[in-house]
All heavy atoms as atom14 arrays in JSON, in Angstrom:
{
  "sequence": "YRVLYLLVIIFFLLGIIAGTVSVHFLEPEQNARLA",
  "atom14_mask": [
    [1, 1, 1, 1, 1, 1, 1, 1, 1, 1, 1, 1, 0, 0],
    [1, 1, 1, 1, 1, 1, 1, 1, 1, 1, 1, 0, 0, 0],
    [1, 1, 1, 1, 1, 1, 1, 0, 0, 0, 0, 0, 0, 0],
    [1, 1, 1, 1, 1, 1, 1, 1, 0, 0, 0, 0, 0, 0],
    [1, 1, 1, 1, 1, 1, 1, 1, 1, 1, 1, 1, 0, 0],
    [1, 1, 1, 1, 1, 1, 1, 1, 0, 0, 0, 0, 0, 0],
    [1, 1, 1, 1, 1, 1, 1, 1, 0, 0, 0, 0, 0, 0],
    [1, 1, 1, 1, 1, 1, 1, 0, 0, 0, 0, 0, 0, 0],
    [1, 1, 1, 1, 1, 1, 1, 1, 0, 0, 0, 0, 0, 0],
    [1, 1, 1, 1, 1, 1, 1, 1, 0, 0, 0, 0, 0, 0],
    [1, 1, 1, 1, 1, 1, 1, 1, 1, 1, 1, 0, 0, 0],
    [1, 1, 1, 1, 1, 1, 1, 1, 1, 1, 1, 0, 0, 0],
    [1, 1, 1, 1, 1, 1, 1, 1, 0, 0, 0, 0, 0, 0],
    [1, 1, 1, 1, 1, 1, 1, 1, 0, 0, 0, 0, 0, 0],
    [1, 1, 1, 1, 0, 0, 0, 0, 0, 0, 0, 0, 0, 0],
    [1, 1, 1, 1, 1, 1, 1, 1, 0, 0, 0, 0, 0, 0],
    [1, 1, 1, 1, 1, 1, 1, 1, 0, 0, 0, 0, 0, 0],
    [1, 1, 1, 1, 1, 0, 0, 0, 0, 0, 0, 0, 0, 0],
    [1, 1, 1, 1, 0, 0, 0, 0, 0, 0, 0, 0, 0, 0],
    [1, 1, 1, 1, 1, 1, 1, 0, 0, 0, 0, 0, 0, 0],
    [1, 1, 1, 1, 1, 1, 1, 0, 0, 0, 0, 0, 0, 0],
    [1, 1, 1, 1, 1, 1, 0, 0, 0, 0, 0, 0, 0, 0],
    [1, 1, 1, 1, 1, 1, 1, 0, 0, 0, 0, 0, 0, 0],
    [1, 1, 1, 1, 1, 1, 1, 1, 1, 1, 0, 0, 0, 0],
    [1, 1, 1, 1, 1, 1, 1, 1, 1, 1, 1, 0, 0, 0],
    [1, 1, 1, 1, 1, 1, 1, 1, 0, 0, 0, 0, 0, 0],
    [1, 1, 1, 1, 1, 1, 1, 1, 1, 0, 0, 0, 0, 0],
    [1, 1, 1, 1, 1, 1, 1, 0, 0, 0, 0, 0, 0, 0],
    [1, 1, 1, 1, 1, 1, 1, 1, 1, 0, 0, 0, 0, 0],
    [1, 1, 1, 1, 1, 1, 1, 1, 1, 0, 0, 0, 0, 0],
    [1, 1, 1, 1, 1, 1, 1, 1, 0, 0, 0, 0, 0, 0],
    [1, 1, 1, 1, 1, 0, 0, 0, 0, 0, 0, 0, 0, 0],
    [1, 1, 1, 1, 1, 1, 1, 1, 1, 1, 1, 0, 0, 0],
    [1, 1, 1, 1, 1, 1, 1, 1, 0, 0, 0, 0, 0, 0],
    [1, 1, 1, 1, 1, 0, 0, 0, 0, 0, 0, 0, 0, 0]
  ],
  "atom14_positions": [
    [[70.92, 124.01, 82.13], [72.35, 123.71, 82.12], [72.67, 122.37, 81.47], [73.66, 121.74, 81.81], [72.9, 123.76, 83.54], [72.78, 125.11, 84.18], [71.91, 125.34, 85.24], [73.54, 126.18, 83.71], [71.79, 126.59, 85.82], [73.43, 127.44, 84.29], [72.55, 127.64, 85.34], [72.44, 128.88, 85.9], [0.0, 0.0, 0.0], [0.0, 0.0, 0.0]],
    [[71.84, 121.94, 80.52], [72.03, 120.62, 79.91], [73.38, 120.5, 79.2], [73.98, 119.43, 79.2], [70.88, 120.27, 78.96], [70.7, 121.2, 77.79], [69.45, 120.82, 76.99], [69.24, 121.71, 75.87], [68.61, 122.87, 75.95], [68.12, 123.28, 77.11], [68.44, 123.63, 74.88], [0.0, 0.0, 0.0], [0.0, 0.0, 0.0], [0.0, 0.0, 0.0]],
    [[73.88, 121.59, 78.62], [75.2, 121.55, 77.95], [76.3, 121.31, 78.98], [77.22, 120.51, 78.74], [75.45, 122.85, 77.16], [76.86, 122.86, 76.58], [74.43, 123.0, 76.05], [0.0, 0.0, 0.0], [0.0, 0.0, 0.0], [0.0, 0.0, 0.0], [0.0, 0.0, 0.0], [0.0, 0.0, 0.0], [0.0, 0.0, 0.0], [0.0, 0.0, 0.0]],
    [[76.21, 121.98, 80.12], [77.2, 121.78, 81.18], [77.14, 120.37, 81.74], [78.18, 119.74, 81.99], [77.01, 122.8, 82.31], [77.35, 124.25, 81.99], [77.11, 125.13, 83.21], [78.78, 124.38, 81.52], [0.0, 0.0, 0.0], [0.0, 0.0, 0.0], [0.0, 0.0, 0.0], [0.0, 0.0, 0.0], [0.0, 0.0, 0.0], [0.0, 0.0, 0.0]],
    [[75.91, 119.86, 81.93], [75.77, 118.48, 82.4], [76.39, 117.5, 81.41], [77.1, 116.57, 81.81], [74.29, 118.12, 82.62], [73.78, 118.52, 83.98], [72.94, 119.62, 84.14], [74.14, 117.81, 85.12], [72.47, 120.0, 85.38], [73.67, 118.18, 86.37], [72.84, 119.27, 86.49], [72.39, 119.64, 87.73], [0.0, 0.0, 0.0], [0.0, 0.0, 0.0]],
    [[76.13, 117.72, 80.14], [76.69, 116.85, 79.1], [78.22, 116.9, 79.13], [78.89, 115.87, 79.07], [76.15, 117.25, 77.73], [76.54, 116.37, 76.55], [76.01, 114.96, 76.73], [76.03, 116.97, 75.25], [0.0, 0.0, 0.0], [0.0, 0.0, 0.0], [0.0, 0.0, 0.0], [0.0, 0.0, 0.0], [0.0, 0.0, 0.0], [0.0, 0.0, 0.0]],
    [[78.77, 118.11, 79.24], [80.22, 118.3, 79.28], [80.83, 117.57, 80.48], [81.82, 116.83, 80.34], [80.54, 119.79, 79.35], [82.02, 120.17, 79.41], [82.7, 119.91, 78.07], [82.16, 121.62, 79.81], [0.0, 0.0, 0.0], [0.0, 0.0, 0.0], [0.0, 0.0, 0.0], [0.0, 0.0, 0.0], [0.0, 0.0, 0.0], [0.0, 0.0, 0.0]],
    [[80.24, 117.75, 81.65], [80.77, 117.13, 82.87], [80.68, 115.61, 82.79], [81.63, 114.9, 83.13], [80.01, 117.67, 84.11], [80.34, 116.86, 85.36], [80.35, 119.14, 84.34], [0.0, 0.0, 0.0], [0.0, 0.0, 0.0], [0.0, 0.0, 0.0], [0.0, 0.0, 0.0], [0.0, 0.0, 0.0], [0.0, 0.0, 0.0], [0.0, 0.0, 0.0]],
    [[79.55, 115.1, 82.32], [79.36, 113.65, 82.21], [80.35, 113.06, 81.21], [80.94, 111.99, 81.44], [77.9, 113.31, 81.84], [76.99, 113.61, 83.03], [77.77, 111.85, 81.42], [75.51, 113.59, 82.71], [0.0, 0.0, 0.0], [0.0, 0.0, 0.0], [0.0, 0.0, 0.0], [0.0, 0.0, 0.0], [0.0, 0.0, 0.0], [0.0, 0.0, 0.0]],
    [[80.57, 113.75, 80.09], [81.54, 113.26, 79.09], [82.93, 113.17, 79.69], [83.62, 112.16, 79.53], [81.53, 114.15, 77.83], [80.27, 113.9, 77.01], [82.77, 113.91, 76.98], [80.05, 114.87, 75.86], [0.0, 0.0, 0.0], [0.0, 0.0, 0.0], [0.0, 0.0, 0.0], [0.0, 0.0, 0.0], [0.0, 0.0, 0.0], [0.0, 0.0, 0.0]],
    [[83.37, 114.21, 80.41], [84.71, 114.17, 81.0], [84.81, 113.12, 82.1], [85.86, 112.49, 82.27], [85.11, 115.56, 81.52], [85.76, 116.4, 80.47], [85.0, 117.26, 79.68], [87.11, 116.31, 80.22], [85.59, 118.03, 78.69], [87.72, 117.08, 79.24], [86.95, 117.94, 78.46], [0.0, 0.0, 0.0], [0.0, 0.0, 0.0], [0.0, 0.0, 0.0]],
    [[83.73, 112.92, 82.84], [83.74, 111.87, 83.87], [83.88, 110.49, 83.21], [84.68, 109.66, 83.65], [82.46, 111.94, 84.71], [82.43, 110.94, 85.81], [83.2, 111.12, 86.95], [81.65, 109.81, 85.71], [83.18, 110.18, 87.98], [81.63, 108.87, 86.73], [82.39, 109.06, 87.87], [0.0, 0.0, 0.0], [0.0, 0.0, 0.0], [0.0, 0.0, 0.0]],
    [[83.11, 110.26, 82.16], [83.19, 108.97, 81.44], [84.55, 108.78, 80.79], [85.09, 107.68, 80.78], [82.07, 108.87, 80.4], [80.65, 108.77, 80.96], [79.63, 108.79, 79.83], [80.48, 107.51, 81.8], [0.0, 0.0, 0.0], [0.0, 0.0, 0.0], [0.0, 0.0, 0.0], [0.0, 0.0, 0.0], [0.0, 0.0, 0.0], [0.0, 0.0, 0.0]],
    [[85.12, 109.86, 80.23], [86.46, 109.78, 79.66], [87.48, 109.4, 80.73], [88.42, 108.62, 80.48], [86.86, 111.1, 79.0], [86.18, 111.43, 77.66], [86.55, 112.83, 77.22], [86.56, 110.41, 76.59], [0.0, 0.0, 0.0], [0.0, 0.0, 0.0], [0.0, 0.0, 0.0], [0.0, 0.0, 0.0], [0.0, 0.0, 0.0], [0.0, 0.0, 0.0]],
    [[87.29, 109.94, 81.93], [88.17, 109.6, 83.05], [88.06, 108.12, 83.41], [89.07, 107.46, 83.65], [0.0, 0.0, 0.0], [0.0, 0.0, 0.0], [0.0, 0.0, 0.0], [0.0, 0.0, 0.0], [0.0, 0.0, 0.0], [0.0, 0.0, 0.0], [0.0, 0.0, 0.0], [0.0, 0.0, 0.0], [0.0, 0.0, 0.0], [0.0, 0.0, 0.0]],
    [[86.83, 107.61, 83.46], [86.62, 106.18, 83.76], [87.31, 105.31, 82.71], [88.01, 104.35, 83.04], [85.11, 105.85, 83.84], [84.51, 106.46, 85.11], [84.89, 104.34, 83.83], [83.02, 106.27, 85.25], [0.0, 0.0, 0.0], [0.0, 0.0, 0.0], [0.0, 0.0, 0.0], [0.0, 0.0, 0.0], [0.0, 0.0, 0.0], [0.0, 0.0, 0.0]],
    [[87.11, 105.66, 81.45], [87.73, 104.88, 80.35], [89.25, 104.93, 80.45], [89.93, 103.9, 80.36], [87.24, 105.39, 78.98], [85.75, 105.1, 78.8], [88.05, 104.78, 77.85], [85.09, 105.84, 77.66], [0.0, 0.0, 0.0], [0.0, 0.0, 0.0], [0.0, 0.0, 0.0], [0.0, 0.0, 0.0], [0.0, 0.0, 0.0], [0.0, 0.0, 0.0]],
    [[89.81, 106.14, 80.66], [91.26, 106.28, 80.77], [91.81, 105.5, 81.96], [92.85, 104.84, 81.86], [91.64, 107.76, 80.89], [0.0, 0.0, 0.0], [0.0, 0.0, 0.0], [0.0, 0.0, 0.0], [0.0, 0.0, 0.0], [0.0, 0.0, 0.0], [0.0, 0.0, 0.0], [0.0, 0.0, 0.0], [0.0, 0.0, 0.0], [0.0, 0.0, 0.0]],
    [[91.1, 105.54, 83.08], [91.54, 104.81, 84.26], [91.51, 103.31, 84.05], [92.44, 102.6, 84.44], [0.0, 0.0, 0.0], [0.0, 0.0, 0.0], [0.0, 0.0, 0.0], [0.0, 0.0, 0.0], [0.0, 0.0, 0.0], [0.0, 0.0, 0.0], [0.0, 0.0, 0.0], [0.0, 0.0, 0.0], [0.0, 0.0, 0.0], [0.0, 0.0, 0.0]],
    [[90.45, 102.83, 83.43], [90.32, 101.39, 83.16], [91.39, 100.91, 82.19], [92.01, 99.87, 82.4], [88.92, 101.08, 82.6], [87.93, 101.59, 83.5], [88.71, 99.6, 82.44], [0.0, 0.0, 0.0], [0.0, 0.0, 0.0], [0.0, 0.0, 0.0], [0.0, 0.0, 0.0], [0.0, 0.0, 0.0], [0.0, 0.0, 0.0], [0.0, 0.0, 0.0]],
    [[91.61, 101.68, 81.14], [92.6, 101.29, 80.12], [94.02, 101.35, 80.69], [94.87, 100.5, 80.39], [92.48, 102.2, 78.87], [93.64, 102.01, 77.92], [91.16, 101.93, 78.16], [0.0, 0.0, 0.0], [0.0, 0.0, 0.0], [0.0, 0.0, 0.0], [0.0, 0.0, 0.0], [0.0, 0.0, 0.0], [0.0, 0.0, 0.0], [0.0, 0.0, 0.0]],
    [[94.3, 102.35, 81.55], [95.65, 102.53, 82.07], [96.12, 101.35, 82.92], [97.32, 101.1, 83.03], [95.75, 103.82, 82.88], [95.0, 103.72, 84.07], [0.0, 0.0, 0.0], [0.0, 0.0, 0.0], [0.0, 0.0, 0.0], [0.0, 0.0, 0.0], [0.0, 0.0, 0.0], [0.0, 0.0, 0.0], [0.0, 0.0, 0.0], [0.0, 0.0, 0.0]],
    [[95.17, 100.6, 83.5], [95.53, 99.41, 84.29], [96.31, 98.42, 83.43], [97.24, 97.76, 83.89], [94.27, 98.76, 84.89], [94.6, 97.41, 85.54], [93.63, 99.68, 85.91], [0.0, 0.0, 0.0], [0.0, 0.0, 0.0], [0.0, 0.0, 0.0], [0.0, 0.0, 0.0], [0.0, 0.0, 0.0], [0.0, 0.0, 0.0], [0.0, 0.0, 0.0]],
    [[95.94, 98.32, 82.16], [96.56, 97.34, 81.26], [97.95, 97.78, 80.78], [98.65, 97.0, 80.14], [95.65, 97.08, 80.07], [94.33, 96.5, 80.46], [94.19, 95.2, 80.87], [93.09, 97.05, 80.53], [92.92, 94.96, 81.16], [92.24, 96.08, 80.97], [0.0, 0.0, 0.0], [0.0, 0.0, 0.0], [0.0, 0.0, 0.0], [0.0, 0.0, 0.0]],
    [[98.34, 99.0, 81.06], [99.65, 99.5, 80.63], [100.66, 99.59, 81.78], [101.72, 100.18, 81.62], [99.51, 100.87, 79.95], [98.8, 100.81, 78.64], [97.45, 101.12, 78.55], [99.46, 100.4, 77.49], [96.78, 101.05, 77.33], [98.8, 100.32, 76.28], [97.46, 100.65, 76.19], [0.0, 0.0, 0.0], [0.0, 0.0, 0.0], [0.0, 0.0, 0.0]],
    [[100.3, 99.01, 82.93], [101.22, 99.03, 84.06], [102.39, 98.1, 83.81], [102.24, 97.03, 83.2], [100.48, 98.59, 85.34], [99.42, 99.52, 85.9], [98.69, 98.85, 87.04], [100.04, 100.83, 86.37], [0.0, 0.0, 0.0], [0.0, 0.0, 0.0], [0.0, 0.0, 0.0], [0.0, 0.0, 0.0], [0.0, 0.0, 0.0], [0.0, 0.0, 0.0]],
    [[103.55, 98.5, 84.32], [104.72, 97.62, 84.29], [104.48, 96.47, 85.26], [103.75, 96.63, 86.24], [105.97, 98.41, 84.71], [106.35, 99.53, 83.78], [106.81, 99.04, 82.42], [107.45, 97.97, 82.36], [106.53, 99.72, 81.41], [0.0, 0.0, 0.0], [0.0, 0.0, 0.0], [0.0, 0.0, 0.0], [0.0, 0.0, 0.0], [0.0, 0.0, 0.0]],
    [[105.1, 95.31, 85.02], [104.9, 94.17, 85.94], [105.22, 94.5, 87.4], [104.52, 94.05, 88.31], [105.87, 93.11, 85.38], [106.0, 93.45, 83.94], [105.9, 94.94, 83.86], [0.0, 0.0, 0.0], [0.0, 0.0, 0.0], [0.0, 0.0, 0.0], [0.0, 0.0, 0.0], [0.0, 0.0, 0.0], [0.0, 0.0, 0.0], [0.0, 0.0, 0.0]],
    [[106.28, 95.3, 87.63], [106.65, 95.68, 89.01], [105.56, 96.54, 89.64], [105.21, 96.35, 90.81], [107.97, 96.44, 89.02], [109.17, 95.59, 88.66], [110.46, 96.41, 88.61], [110.42, 97.61, 88.98], [111.49, 95.86, 88.2], [0.0, 0.0, 0.0], [0.0, 0.0, 0.0], [0.0, 0.0, 0.0], [0.0, 0.0, 0.0], [0.0, 0.0, 0.0]],
    [[105.04, 97.51, 88.87], [103.97, 98.37, 89.38], [102.73, 97.54, 89.68], [102.07, 97.74, 90.7], [103.62, 99.45, 88.36], [104.72, 100.46, 88.11], [104.38, 101.38, 86.96], [103.85, 100.95, 85.94], [104.68, 102.66, 87.12], [0.0, 0.0, 0.0], [0.0, 0.0, 0.0], [0.0, 0.0, 0.0], [0.0, 0.0, 0.0], [0.0, 0.0, 0.0]],
    [[102.43, 96.61, 88.78], [101.27, 95.75, 88.94], [101.4, 94.91, 90.21], [100.44, 94.77, 90.97], [101.13, 94.84, 87.72], [99.72, 94.37, 87.52], [98.84, 94.7, 88.3], [99.5, 93.58, 86.49], [0.0, 0.0, 0.0], [0.0, 0.0, 0.0], [0.0, 0.0, 0.0], [0.0, 0.0, 0.0], [0.0, 0.0, 0.0], [0.0, 0.0, 0.0]],
    [[102.59, 94.38, 90.47], [102.82, 93.56, 91.67], [102.66, 94.39, 92.94], [102.05, 93.94, 93.92], [104.2, 92.92, 91.61], [0.0, 0.0, 0.0], [0.0, 0.0, 0.0], [0.0, 0.0, 0.0], [0.0, 0.0, 0.0], [0.0, 0.0, 0.0], [0.0, 0.0, 0.0], [0.0, 0.0, 0.0], [0.0, 0.0, 0.0], [0.0, 0.0, 0.0]],
    [[103.21, 95.62, 92.93], [103.09, 96.5, 94.1], [101.64, 96.87, 94.36], [101.19, 96.86, 95.51], [103.93, 97.76, 93.9], [105.42, 97.57, 94.18], [106.13, 98.89, 94.43], [105.97, 99.83, 93.35], [106.79, 99.94, 92.31], [107.82, 99.13, 92.2], [106.59, 100.84, 91.38], [0.0, 0.0, 0.0], [0.0, 0.0, 0.0], [0.0, 0.0, 0.0]],
    [[100.92, 97.22, 93.3], [99.5, 97.59, 93.46], [98.67, 96.4, 93.92], [97.76, 96.54, 94.73], [98.95, 98.14, 92.14], [99.34, 99.58, 91.83], [98.95, 99.94, 90.41], [98.71, 100.55, 92.81], [0.0, 0.0, 0.0], [0.0, 0.0, 0.0], [0.0, 0.0, 0.0], [0.0, 0.0, 0.0], [0.0, 0.0, 0.0], [0.0, 0.0, 0.0]],
    [[98.98, 95.21, 93.4], [98.26, 94.0, 93.82], [98.48, 93.73, 95.3], [97.55, 93.37, 96.03], [98.7, 92.81, 92.98], [0.0, 0.0, 0.0], [0.0, 0.0, 0.0], [0.0, 0.0, 0.0], [0.0, 0.0, 0.0], [0.0, 0.0, 0.0], [0.0, 0.0, 0.0], [0.0, 0.0, 0.0], [0.0, 0.0, 0.0], [0.0, 0.0, 0.0]]
  ]
}
């Protein structure tokens, strides 16, 4: 199942990247509430 493992790992890593990048696009009010 190496193809499935590769697919799952790629989507997991894409999720990590998207989550990390999205922090920088928060509005100041959202950032203050989350902080």
